[in-house]
Amino acid sequence: MKKLASLIIILTLTILSNYSIAGDDGNIKLNERKNGYVEVKDCFEKVNRGIFGFNQVLDKIIFKPLAKGYRMFPQPIRSGTSNVLNNLSNVVTIPNNILQGQIKDAGINSARLVINSTVGIAGIFDVASYYGLKKRDKEDYGQTFGVWGAGPGCYFVLPVLGPTTVRDSIGSVANVIGGDAWYNVTVANDTRYFSEADYWASRLGAGIDFRAKNLESFESLEKNSVDLYASVRSLYLQDRYRKINNIDESTETLSDDDWEELEN
């Protein structure tokens, strides 16, 4: 309960500190460009660039080789893995659908979670899509806070985890105080069927799956970017803006599927 109260206080302060750059509809208006992108202040750029460089080294040594190895698995195995990870993400998406007033999407995602977890064998097979329940966009607490009117705050880069903002990082904290059912049954609670290792394995798997889908795209980005740090920052912020405002169109370099499979 104390953790929840602390989160509410932090979120309130974040909303108030960003209210001066938020319009009446909760959408950020300051420095908005024609393509809908919002300029977010990079308060810690020197430190961020150092952490970004560290992450690039980790990527070249660990994640990129793992992603290449993962790509060697047959397509059905990779598709099944992606399906399982997408199915797990519904335990965070559904409560955020409700918090954002997306009741229809919450119902569809709930049905997808039940069907794919049972008939689809723990989500390996996307049976729900066969029955007409198409996959909806993922939602998270950072998006919900944005819909509620919280401004992004400063942009910064986390070791290993990568780009985020003050708002999105607070949204991530919500997962560890009860907002992520998968985290609750693996890390937070001592359950009979799952362990903490299951949670971290799923997080690592999601990262490798994402990296494998974007091998060529990131290589193209690295090759063609004059400033890779600035390019990644721009991609992240554009994508978050699009999701918070429920804009269906993809940004110039992003697909419609959760910052996956970046277009060359």
C-alpha atoms as a PDB file:
ATOM      1  CA  MET A   1       0.000   0.000   0.000  1.00  0.00           C
ATOM      2  CA  LYS A   2       2.870   2.364   0.829  1.00  0.00           C
ATOM      3  CA  LYS A   3       4.438   1.621  -2.560  1.00  0.00           C
ATOM      4  CA  LEU A   4       1.176   2.453  -4.325  1.00  0.00           C
ATOM      5  CA  ALA A   5       0.849   5.725  -2.398  1.00  0.00           C
ATOM      6  CA  SER A   6       4.430   6.644  -3.312  1.00  0.00           C
ATOM      7  CA  LEU A   7       3.736   5.982  -6.990  1.00  0.00           C
ATOM      8  CA  ILE A   8       0.606   8.154  -6.907  1.00  0.00           C
ATOM      9  CA  ILE A   9       2.565  11.021  -5.296  1.00  0.00           C
ATOM     10  CA  ILE A  10       5.370  10.754  -7.865  1.00  0.00           C
ATOM     11  CA  LEU A  11       2.883  10.609 -10.737  1.00  0.00           C
ATOM     12  CA  THR A  12       1.001  13.646  -9.394  1.00  0.00           C
ATOM     13  CA  LEU A  13       4.220  15.665  -9.179  1.00  0.00           C
ATOM     14  CA  THR A  14       5.121  14.569 -12.716  1.00  0.00           C
ATOM     15  CA  ILE A  15       1.740  15.668 -14.066  1.00  0.00           C
ATOM     16  CA  LEU A  16       1.991  19.031 -12.289  1.00  0.00           C
ATOM     17  CA  SER A  17       5.566  19.620 -13.457  1.00  0.00           C
ATOM     18  CA  ASN A  18       4.550  18.976 -17.051  1.00  0.00           C
ATOM     19  CA  TYR A  19       1.135  20.658 -16.972  1.00  0.00           C
ATOM     20  CA  SER A  20       2.542  23.881 -18.341  1.00  0.00           C
ATOM     21  CA  ILE A  21       3.325  22.150 -21.636  1.00  0.00           C
ATOM     22  CA  ALA A  22       0.137  20.097 -21.837  1.00  0.00           C
ATOM     23  CA  GLY A  23      -3.016  21.169 -23.611  1.00  0.00           C
ATOM     24  CA  ASP A  24      -6.534  20.767 -22.236  1.00  0.00           C
ATOM     25  CA  ASP A  25      -6.824  17.401 -23.966  1.00  0.00           C
ATOM     26  CA  GLY A  26      -3.679  16.120 -22.251  1.00  0.00           C
ATOM     27  CA  ASN A  27      -1.676  16.012 -25.481  1.00  0.00           C
ATOM     28  CA  ILE A  28       1.646  17.823 -25.447  1.00  0.00           C
ATOM     29  CA  LYS A  29       1.607  21.005 -27.541  1.00  0.00           C
ATOM     30  CA  LEU A  30       5.012  22.590 -26.981  1.00  0.00           C
ATOM     31  CA  ASN A  31       7.437  22.353 -29.919  1.00  0.00           C
ATOM     32  CA  GLU A  32       5.074  20.086 -31.861  1.00  0.00           C
ATOM     33  CA  ARG A  33       6.181  19.459 -35.418  1.00  0.00           C
ATOM     34  CA  LYS A  34       4.031  18.909 -38.505  1.00  0.00           C
ATOM     35  CA  ASN A  35       4.401  15.126 -38.305  1.00  0.00           C
ATOM     36  CA  GLY A  36       3.055  15.099 -34.758  1.00  0.00           C
ATOM     37  CA  TYR A  37       6.415  14.547 -33.111  1.00  0.00           C
ATOM     38  CA  VAL A  38       7.026  16.410 -29.869  1.00  0.00           C
ATOM     39  CA  GLU A  39      10.443  17.703 -28.874  1.00  0.00           C
ATOM     40  CA  VAL A  40      11.205  16.279 -25.421  1.00  0.00           C
ATOM     41  CA  LYS A  41      14.041  17.840 -23.445  1.00  0.00           C
ATOM     42  CA  ASP A  42      17.194  15.719 -23.213  1.00  0.00           C
ATOM     43  CA  CYS A  43      18.212  16.912 -19.738  1.00  0.00           C
ATOM     44  CA  PHE A  44      21.124  14.525 -19.282  1.00  0.00           C
ATOM     45  CA  GLU A  45      22.484  14.278 -22.817  1.00  0.00           C
ATOM     46  CA  LYS A  46      26.150  13.854 -21.921  1.00  0.00           C
ATOM     47  CA  VAL A  47      25.388  11.047 -19.473  1.00  0.00           C
ATOM     48  CA  ASN A  48      22.828   9.573 -21.846  1.00  0.00           C
ATOM     49  CA  ARG A  49      25.334   9.398 -24.671  1.00  0.00           C
ATOM     50  CA  GLY A  50      27.780   7.588 -22.400  1.00  0.00           C
ATOM     51  CA  ILE A  51      25.157   5.026 -21.379  1.00  0.00           C
ATOM     52  CA  PHE A  52      24.047   4.717 -24.998  1.00  0.00           C
ATOM     53  CA  GLY A  53      27.629   3.923 -25.996  1.00  0.00           C
ATOM     54  CA  PHE A  54      27.823   1.321 -23.223  1.00  0.00           C
ATOM     55  CA  ASN A  55      24.588  -0.251 -24.486  1.00  0.00           C
ATOM     56  CA  GLN A  56      25.985  -0.341 -28.012  1.00  0.00           C
ATOM     57  CA  VAL A  57      29.006  -2.303 -26.783  1.00  0.00           C
ATOM     58  CA  LEU A  58      26.727  -4.751 -24.952  1.00  0.00           C
ATOM     59  CA  ASP A  59      24.625  -5.105 -28.071  1.00  0.00           C
ATOM     60  CA  LYS A  60      27.610  -5.970 -30.252  1.00  0.00           C
ATOM     61  CA  ILE A  61      29.075  -8.404 -27.727  1.00  0.00           C
ATOM     62  CA  ILE A  62      25.913 -10.087 -26.422  1.00  0.00           C
ATOM     63  CA  PHE A  63      22.548  -9.221 -27.932  1.00  0.00           C
ATOM     64  CA  LYS A  64      23.374  -9.042 -31.623  1.00  0.00           C
ATOM     65  CA  PRO A  65      25.145 -12.461 -31.628  1.00  0.00           C
ATOM     66  CA  LEU A  66      22.236 -13.959 -29.647  1.00  0.00           C
ATOM     67  CA  ALA A  67      19.769 -12.456 -32.113  1.00  0.00           C
ATOM     68  CA  LYS A  68      21.682 -13.906 -35.051  1.00  0.00           C
ATOM     69  CA  GLY A  69      21.691 -17.309 -33.380  1.00  0.00           C
ATOM     70  CA  TYR A  70      17.977 -17.008 -32.703  1.00  0.00           C
ATOM     71  CA  ARG A  71      17.368 -16.229 -36.382  1.00  0.00           C
ATOM     72  CA  MET A  72      18.815 -19.639 -37.229  1.00  0.00           C
ATOM     73  CA  PHE A  73      15.846 -21.395 -35.612  1.00  0.00           C
ATOM     74  CA  PRO A  74      13.044 -22.448 -37.989  1.00  0.00           C
ATOM     75  CA  GLN A  75      10.331 -19.848 -38.564  1.00  0.00           C
ATOM     76  CA  PRO A  76       7.616 -21.848 -36.717  1.00  0.00           C
ATOM     77  CA  ILE A  77       9.727 -21.821 -33.539  1.00  0.00           C
ATOM     78  CA  ARG A  78      10.346 -18.085 -33.782  1.00  0.00           C
ATOM     79  CA  SER A  79       6.676 -17.388 -34.529  1.00  0.00           C
ATOM     80  CA  GLY A  80       5.601 -19.506 -31.590  1.00  0.00           C
ATOM     81  CA  THR A  81       8.001 -17.679 -29.294  1.00  0.00           C
ATOM     82  CA  SER A  82       6.706 -14.291 -30.456  1.00  0.00           C
ATOM     83  CA  ASN A  83       3.137 -15.476 -29.946  1.00  0.00           C
ATOM     84  CA  VAL A  84       3.863 -16.571 -26.370  1.00  0.00           C
ATOM     85  CA  LEU A  85       5.508 -13.229 -25.559  1.00  0.00           C
ATOM     86  CA  ASN A  86       2.661 -11.265 -27.142  1.00  0.00           C
ATOM     87  CA  ASN A  87       0.156 -13.346 -25.201  1.00  0.00           C
ATOM     88  CA  LEU A  88       1.962 -12.578 -21.930  1.00  0.00           C
ATOM     89  CA  SER A  89       1.928  -8.859 -22.722  1.00  0.00           C
ATOM     90  CA  ASN A  90      -1.879  -8.902 -22.472  1.00  0.00           C
ATOM     91  CA  VAL A  91      -1.674  -9.078 -18.673  1.00  0.00           C
ATOM     92  CA  VAL A  92      -0.342  -5.510 -18.783  1.00  0.00           C
ATOM     93  CA  THR A  93      -2.328  -4.336 -21.811  1.00  0.00           C
ATOM     94  CA  ILE A  94      -5.762  -5.320 -20.448  1.00  0.00           C
ATOM     95  CA  PRO A  95      -5.685  -3.215 -17.240  1.00  0.00           C
ATOM     96  CA  ASN A  96      -4.343  -0.276 -19.240  1.00  0.00           C
ATOM     97  CA  ASN A  97      -7.134  -0.685 -21.785  1.00  0.00           C
ATOM     98  CA  ILE A  98      -9.556  -0.299 -18.884  1.00  0.00           C
ATOM     99  CA  LEU A  99      -7.708   2.650 -17.337  1.00  0.00           C
ATOM    100  CA  GLN A 100      -7.775   4.420 -20.717  1.00  0.00           C
ATOM    101  CA  GLY A 101     -11.464   3.703 -21.240  1.00  0.00           C
ATOM    102  CA  GLN A 102     -10.836   1.235 -24.077  1.00  0.00           C
ATOM    103  CA  ILE A 103     -13.466  -1.213 -22.871  1.00  0.00           C
ATOM    104  CA  LYS A 104     -13.956  -2.950 -26.227  1.00  0.00           C
ATOM    105  CA  ASP A 105     -10.221  -3.537 -26.617  1.00  0.00           C
ATOM    106  CA  ALA A 106     -10.042  -4.796 -23.026  1.00  0.00           C
ATOM    107  CA  GLY A 107     -12.751  -7.344 -23.816  1.00  0.00           C
ATOM    108  CA  ILE A 108     -11.072  -8.498 -27.030  1.00  0.00           C
ATOM    109  CA  ASN A 109      -7.652  -8.785 -25.372  1.00  0.00           C
ATOM    110  CA  SER A 110      -9.174 -10.696 -22.444  1.00  0.00           C
ATOM    111  CA  ALA A 111     -10.789 -13.140 -24.842  1.00  0.00           C
ATOM    112  CA  ARG A 112      -7.517 -13.479 -26.753  1.00  0.00           C
ATOM    113  CA  LEU A 113      -5.623 -14.179 -23.527  1.00  0.00           C
ATOM    114  CA  VAL A 114      -8.044 -16.912 -22.465  1.00  0.00           C
ATOM    115  CA  ILE A 115      -8.314 -18.572 -25.876  1.00  0.00           C
ATOM    116  CA  ASN A 116      -4.615 -18.462 -26.730  1.00  0.00           C
ATOM    117  CA  SER A 117      -3.549 -19.552 -23.244  1.00  0.00           C
ATOM    118  CA  THR A 118      -5.782 -22.624 -23.418  1.00  0.00           C
ATOM    119  CA  VAL A 119      -6.630 -23.710 -26.957  1.00  0.00           C
ATOM    120  CA  GLY A 120      -3.469 -22.023 -28.250  1.00  0.00           C
ATOM    121  CA  ILE A 121      -1.299 -23.975 -25.776  1.00  0.00           C
ATOM    122  CA  ALA A 122       0.122 -21.208 -23.567  1.00  0.00           C
ATOM    123  CA  GLY A 123      -0.034 -18.786 -26.489  1.00  0.00           C
ATOM    124  CA  ILE A 124       2.175 -20.709 -28.893  1.00  0.00           C
ATOM    125  CA  PHE A 125      -0.609 -20.588 -31.483  1.00  0.00           C
ATOM    126  CA  ASP A 126      -2.662 -17.463 -32.160  1.00  0.00           C
ATOM    127  CA  VAL A 127      -6.000 -19.287 -32.294  1.00  0.00           C
ATOM    128  CA  ALA A 128      -7.919 -16.145 -31.340  1.00  0.00           C
ATOM    129  CA  SER A 129      -7.035 -14.463 -34.645  1.00  0.00           C
ATOM    130  CA  TYR A 130      -8.489 -17.477 -36.460  1.00  0.00           C
ATOM    131  CA  TYR A 131     -11.790 -16.753 -34.714  1.00  0.00           C
ATOM    132  CA  GLY A 132     -11.685 -13.103 -35.771  1.00  0.00           C
ATOM    133  CA  LEU A 133     -10.199 -11.636 -32.585  1.00  0.00           C
ATOM    134  CA  LYS A 134      -7.310  -9.760 -34.166  1.00  0.00           C
ATOM    135  CA  LYS A 135      -4.371  -8.575 -32.109  1.00  0.00           C
ATOM    136  CA  ARG A 136      -4.751  -5.064 -30.736  1.00  0.00           C
ATOM    137  CA  ASP A 137      -2.027  -2.544 -29.969  1.00  0.00           C
ATOM    138  CA  LYS A 138      -0.077  -3.080 -26.776  1.00  0.00           C
ATOM    139  CA  GLU A 139      -0.689  -0.636 -23.940  1.00  0.00           C
ATOM    140  CA  ASP A 140       1.393   0.115 -20.866  1.00  0.00           C
ATOM    141  CA  TYR A 141       1.258   2.363 -17.815  1.00  0.00           C
ATOM    142  CA  GLY A 142       3.473   4.998 -19.381  1.00  0.00           C
ATOM    143  CA  GLN A 143       0.923   5.344 -22.182  1.00  0.00           C
ATOM    144  CA  THR A 144      -1.906   5.492 -19.666  1.00  0.00           C
ATOM    145  CA  PHE A 145      -0.202   8.286 -17.730  1.00  0.00           C
ATOM    146  CA  GLY A 146       0.228  10.134 -21.019  1.00  0.00           C
ATOM    147  CA  VAL A 147      -3.469   9.731 -21.841  1.00  0.00           C
ATOM    148  CA  TRP A 148      -4.290  11.054 -18.359  1.00  0.00           C
ATOM    149  CA  GLY A 149      -2.316  14.209 -19.096  1.00  0.00           C
ATOM    150  CA  ALA A 150       1.173  13.559 -17.706  1.00  0.00           C
ATOM    151  CA  GLY A 151       3.900  15.138 -19.808  1.00  0.00           C
ATOM    152  CA  PRO A 152       6.915  13.014 -20.736  1.00  0.00           C
ATOM    153  CA  GLY A 153       9.439  14.833 -18.562  1.00  0.00           C
ATOM    154  CA  CYS A 154      13.091  14.475 -19.489  1.00  0.00           C
ATOM    155  CA  TYR A 155      14.378  11.875 -21.895  1.00  0.00           C
ATOM    156  CA  PHE A 156      17.101   9.573 -20.601  1.00  0.00           C
ATOM    157  CA  VAL A 157      18.786   6.265 -21.371  1.00  0.00           C
ATOM    158  CA  LEU A 158      18.980   3.332 -18.963  1.00  0.00           C
ATOM    159  CA  PRO A 159      21.789   0.752 -18.978  1.00  0.00           C
ATOM    160  CA  VAL A 160      20.680  -2.345 -20.938  1.00  0.00           C
ATOM    161  CA  LEU A 161      17.010  -1.248 -21.005  1.00  0.00           C
ATOM    162  CA  GLY A 162      17.623   1.686 -23.336  1.00  0.00           C
ATOM    163  CA  PRO A 163      15.573   4.842 -24.019  1.00  0.00           C
ATOM    164  CA  THR A 164      12.792   6.082 -21.754  1.00  0.00           C
ATOM    165  CA  THR A 165      11.335   9.234 -20.194  1.00  0.00           C
ATOM    166  CA  VAL A 166      10.430  10.194 -16.642  1.00  0.00           C
ATOM    167  CA  ARG A 167       6.788   9.312 -17.334  1.00  0.00           C
ATOM    168  CA  ASP A 168       7.586   5.980 -18.960  1.00  0.00           C
ATOM    169  CA  SER A 169      10.007   4.998 -16.208  1.00  0.00           C
ATOM    170  CA  ILE A 170       7.338   5.686 -13.585  1.00  0.00           C
ATOM    171  CA  GLY A 171       5.015   3.559 -15.689  1.00  0.00           C
ATOM    172  CA  SER A 172       7.541   0.747 -15.495  1.00  0.00           C
ATOM    173  CA  VAL A 173       7.578   1.040 -11.711  1.00  0.00           C
ATOM    174  CA  ALA A 174       3.849   0.325 -11.723  1.00  0.00           C
ATOM    175  CA  ASN A 175       4.631  -3.189 -12.931  1.00  0.00           C
ATOM    176  CA  VAL A 176       6.570  -4.044  -9.799  1.00  0.00           C
ATOM    177  CA  ILE A 177       3.893  -2.866  -7.370  1.00  0.00           C
ATOM    178  CA  GLY A 178       1.104  -5.002  -8.767  1.00  0.00           C
ATOM    179  CA  GLY A 179       0.521  -3.778 -12.302  1.00  0.00           C
ATOM    180  CA  ASP A 180       1.963  -6.837 -14.055  1.00  0.00           C
ATOM    181  CA  ALA A 181       0.276 -10.127 -13.212  1.00  0.00           C
ATOM    182  CA  TRP A 182       3.158 -12.106 -14.744  1.00  0.00           C
ATOM    183  CA  TYR A 183       5.629 -10.292 -12.492  1.00  0.00           C
ATOM    184  CA  ASN A 184       3.363 -10.974  -9.509  1.00  0.00           C
ATOM    185  CA  VAL A 185       3.269 -14.748  -9.984  1.00  0.00           C
ATOM    186  CA  THR A 186       6.970 -15.086 -10.741  1.00  0.00           C
ATOM    187  CA  VAL A 187       9.023 -12.492  -8.859  1.00  0.00           C
ATOM    188  CA  ALA A 188       6.760 -10.872  -6.270  1.00  0.00           C
ATOM    189  CA  ASN A 189       5.167 -14.034  -4.913  1.00  0.00           C
ATOM    190  CA  ASP A 190       6.449 -17.517  -4.137  1.00  0.00           C
ATOM    191  CA  THR A 191       4.203 -19.581  -6.383  1.00  0.00           C
ATOM    192  CA  ARG A 192       4.167 -23.285  -6.962  1.00  0.00           C
ATOM    193  CA  TYR A 193       4.339 -23.359 -10.727  1.00  0.00           C
ATOM    194  CA  PHE A 194       6.529 -20.373 -11.636  1.00  0.00           C
ATOM    195  CA  SER A 195       9.792 -18.906 -10.409  1.00  0.00           C
ATOM    196  CA  GLU A 196      11.633 -15.612 -10.692  1.00  0.00           C
ATOM    197  CA  ALA A 197      13.788 -17.152 -13.427  1.00  0.00           C
ATOM    198  CA  ASP A 198      10.688 -17.566 -15.606  1.00  0.00           C
ATOM    199  CA  TYR A 199      10.042 -13.833 -15.540  1.00  0.00           C
ATOM    200  CA  TRP A 200      13.588 -12.822 -16.402  1.00  0.00           C
ATOM    201  CA  ALA A 201      13.769 -15.494 -19.101  1.00  0.00           C
ATOM    202  CA  SER A 202      10.664 -14.001 -20.700  1.00  0.00           C
ATOM    203  CA  ARG A 203      12.151 -10.485 -20.544  1.00  0.00           C
ATOM    204  CA  LEU A 204      15.405 -11.681 -22.100  1.00  0.00           C
ATOM    205  CA  GLY A 205      13.474 -13.617 -24.725  1.00  0.00           C
ATOM    206  CA  ALA A 206      11.453 -10.528 -25.619  1.00  0.00           C
ATOM    207  CA  GLY A 207      14.639  -8.513 -26.067  1.00  0.00           C
ATOM    208  CA  ILE A 208      16.267 -11.139 -28.281  1.00  0.00           C
ATOM    209  CA  ASP A 209      13.078 -11.604 -30.292  1.00  0.00           C
ATOM    210  CA  PHE A 210      12.857  -7.847 -30.871  1.00  0.00           C
ATOM    211  CA  ARG A 211      16.531  -7.596 -31.821  1.00  0.00           C
ATOM    212  CA  ALA A 212      16.272 -10.528 -34.220  1.00  0.00           C
ATOM    213  CA  LYS A 213      13.330  -8.956 -36.030  1.00  0.00           C
ATOM    214  CA  ASN A 214      15.297  -5.785 -36.550  1.00  0.00           C
ATOM    215  CA  LEU A 215      18.800  -6.961 -37.435  1.00  0.00           C
ATOM    216  CA  GLU A 216      18.868  -5.478 -40.920  1.00  0.00           C
ATOM    217  CA  SER A 217      16.927  -2.384 -39.932  1.00  0.00           C
ATOM    218  CA  PHE A 218      19.285  -1.455 -37.124  1.00  0.00           C
ATOM    219  CA  GLU A 219      22.281  -2.104 -39.343  1.00  0.00           C
ATOM    220  CA  SER A 220      20.778   0.262 -41.913  1.00  0.00           C
ATOM    221  CA  LEU A 221      20.103   2.828 -39.178  1.00  0.00           C
ATOM    222  CA  GLU A 222      23.688   2.626 -37.948  1.00  0.00           C
ATOM    223  CA  LYS A 223      25.033   2.928 -41.481  1.00  0.00           C
ATOM    224  CA  ASN A 224      22.887   5.862 -42.568  1.00  0.00           C
ATOM    225  CA  SER A 225      22.681   7.914 -39.361  1.00  0.00           C
ATOM    226  CA  VAL A 226      25.013  10.874 -38.959  1.00  0.00           C
ATOM    227  CA  ASP A 227      24.222  10.763 -35.220  1.00  0.00           C
ATOM    228  CA  LEU A 228      22.937   7.330 -34.164  1.00  0.00           C
ATOM    229  CA  TYR A 229      22.107   8.496 -30.644  1.00  0.00           C
ATOM    230  CA  ALA A 230      19.878  11.295 -31.953  1.00  0.00           C
ATOM    231  CA  SER A 231      18.231   8.947 -34.463  1.00  0.00           C
ATOM    232  CA  VAL A 232      17.315   6.385 -31.813  1.00  0.00           C
ATOM    233  CA  ARG A 233      16.030   9.117 -29.506  1.00  0.00           C
ATOM    234  CA  SER A 234      13.855  10.494 -32.293  1.00  0.00           C
ATOM    235  CA  LEU A 235      12.469   7.048 -33.155  1.00  0.00           C
ATOM    236  CA  TYR A 236      11.585   6.298 -29.553  1.00  0.00           C
ATOM    237  CA  LEU A 237       9.874   9.623 -28.877  1.00  0.00           C
ATOM    238  CA  GLN A 238       7.921   9.553 -32.139  1.00  0.00           C
ATOM    239  CA  ASP A 239       6.724   6.038 -31.387  1.00  0.00           C
ATOM    240  CA  ARG A 240       5.615   6.920 -27.851  1.00  0.00           C
ATOM    241  CA  TYR A 241       3.752   9.989 -29.127  1.00  0.00           C
ATOM    242  CA  ARG A 242       1.969   7.884 -31.740  1.00  0.00           C
ATOM    243  CA  LYS A 243       0.898   5.270 -29.187  1.00  0.00           C
ATOM    244  CA  ILE A 244      -0.286   7.715 -26.553  1.00  0.00           C
ATOM    245  CA  ASN A 245      -2.385   9.573 -29.110  1.00  0.00           C
ATOM    246  CA  ASN A 246      -3.602   6.322 -30.737  1.00  0.00           C
ATOM    247  CA  ILE A 247      -2.380   7.381 -34.163  1.00  0.00           C
ATOM    248  CA  ASP A 248      -2.794   4.471 -36.563  1.00  0.00           C
ATOM    249  CA  GLU A 249      -0.256   5.643 -39.115  1.00  0.00           C
ATOM    250  CA  SER A 250       3.316   4.532 -38.605  1.00  0.00           C
ATOM    251  CA  THR A 251       6.066   7.095 -38.240  1.00  0.00           C
ATOM    252  CA  GLU A 252       8.546   7.558 -41.058  1.00  0.00           C
ATOM    253  CA  THR A 253      10.778   4.721 -39.910  1.00  0.00           C
ATOM    254  CA  LEU A 254       8.477   2.563 -37.786  1.00  0.00           C
ATOM    255  CA  SER A 255       5.976  -0.159 -38.490  1.00  0.00           C
ATOM    256  CA  ASP A 256       2.631  -0.354 -36.715  1.00  0.00           C
ATOM    257  CA  ASP A 257       3.703  -3.260 -34.493  1.00  0.00           C
ATOM    258  CA  ASP A 258       5.184  -1.974 -31.245  1.00  0.00           C
ATOM    259  CA  TRP A 259       8.445  -0.516 -32.560  1.00  0.00           C
ATOM    260  CA  GLU A 260       9.191  -3.810 -34.288  1.00  0.00           C
ATOM    261  CA  GLU A 261      10.615  -4.530 -37.730  1.00  0.00           C
ATOM    262  CA  LEU A 262      11.861  -1.047 -38.484  1.00  0.00           C
ATOM    263  CA  GLU A 263      11.574  -0.192 -42.136  1.00  0.00           C
ATOM    264  CA  ASN A 264      14.813   0.254 -44.044  1.00  0.00           C
END
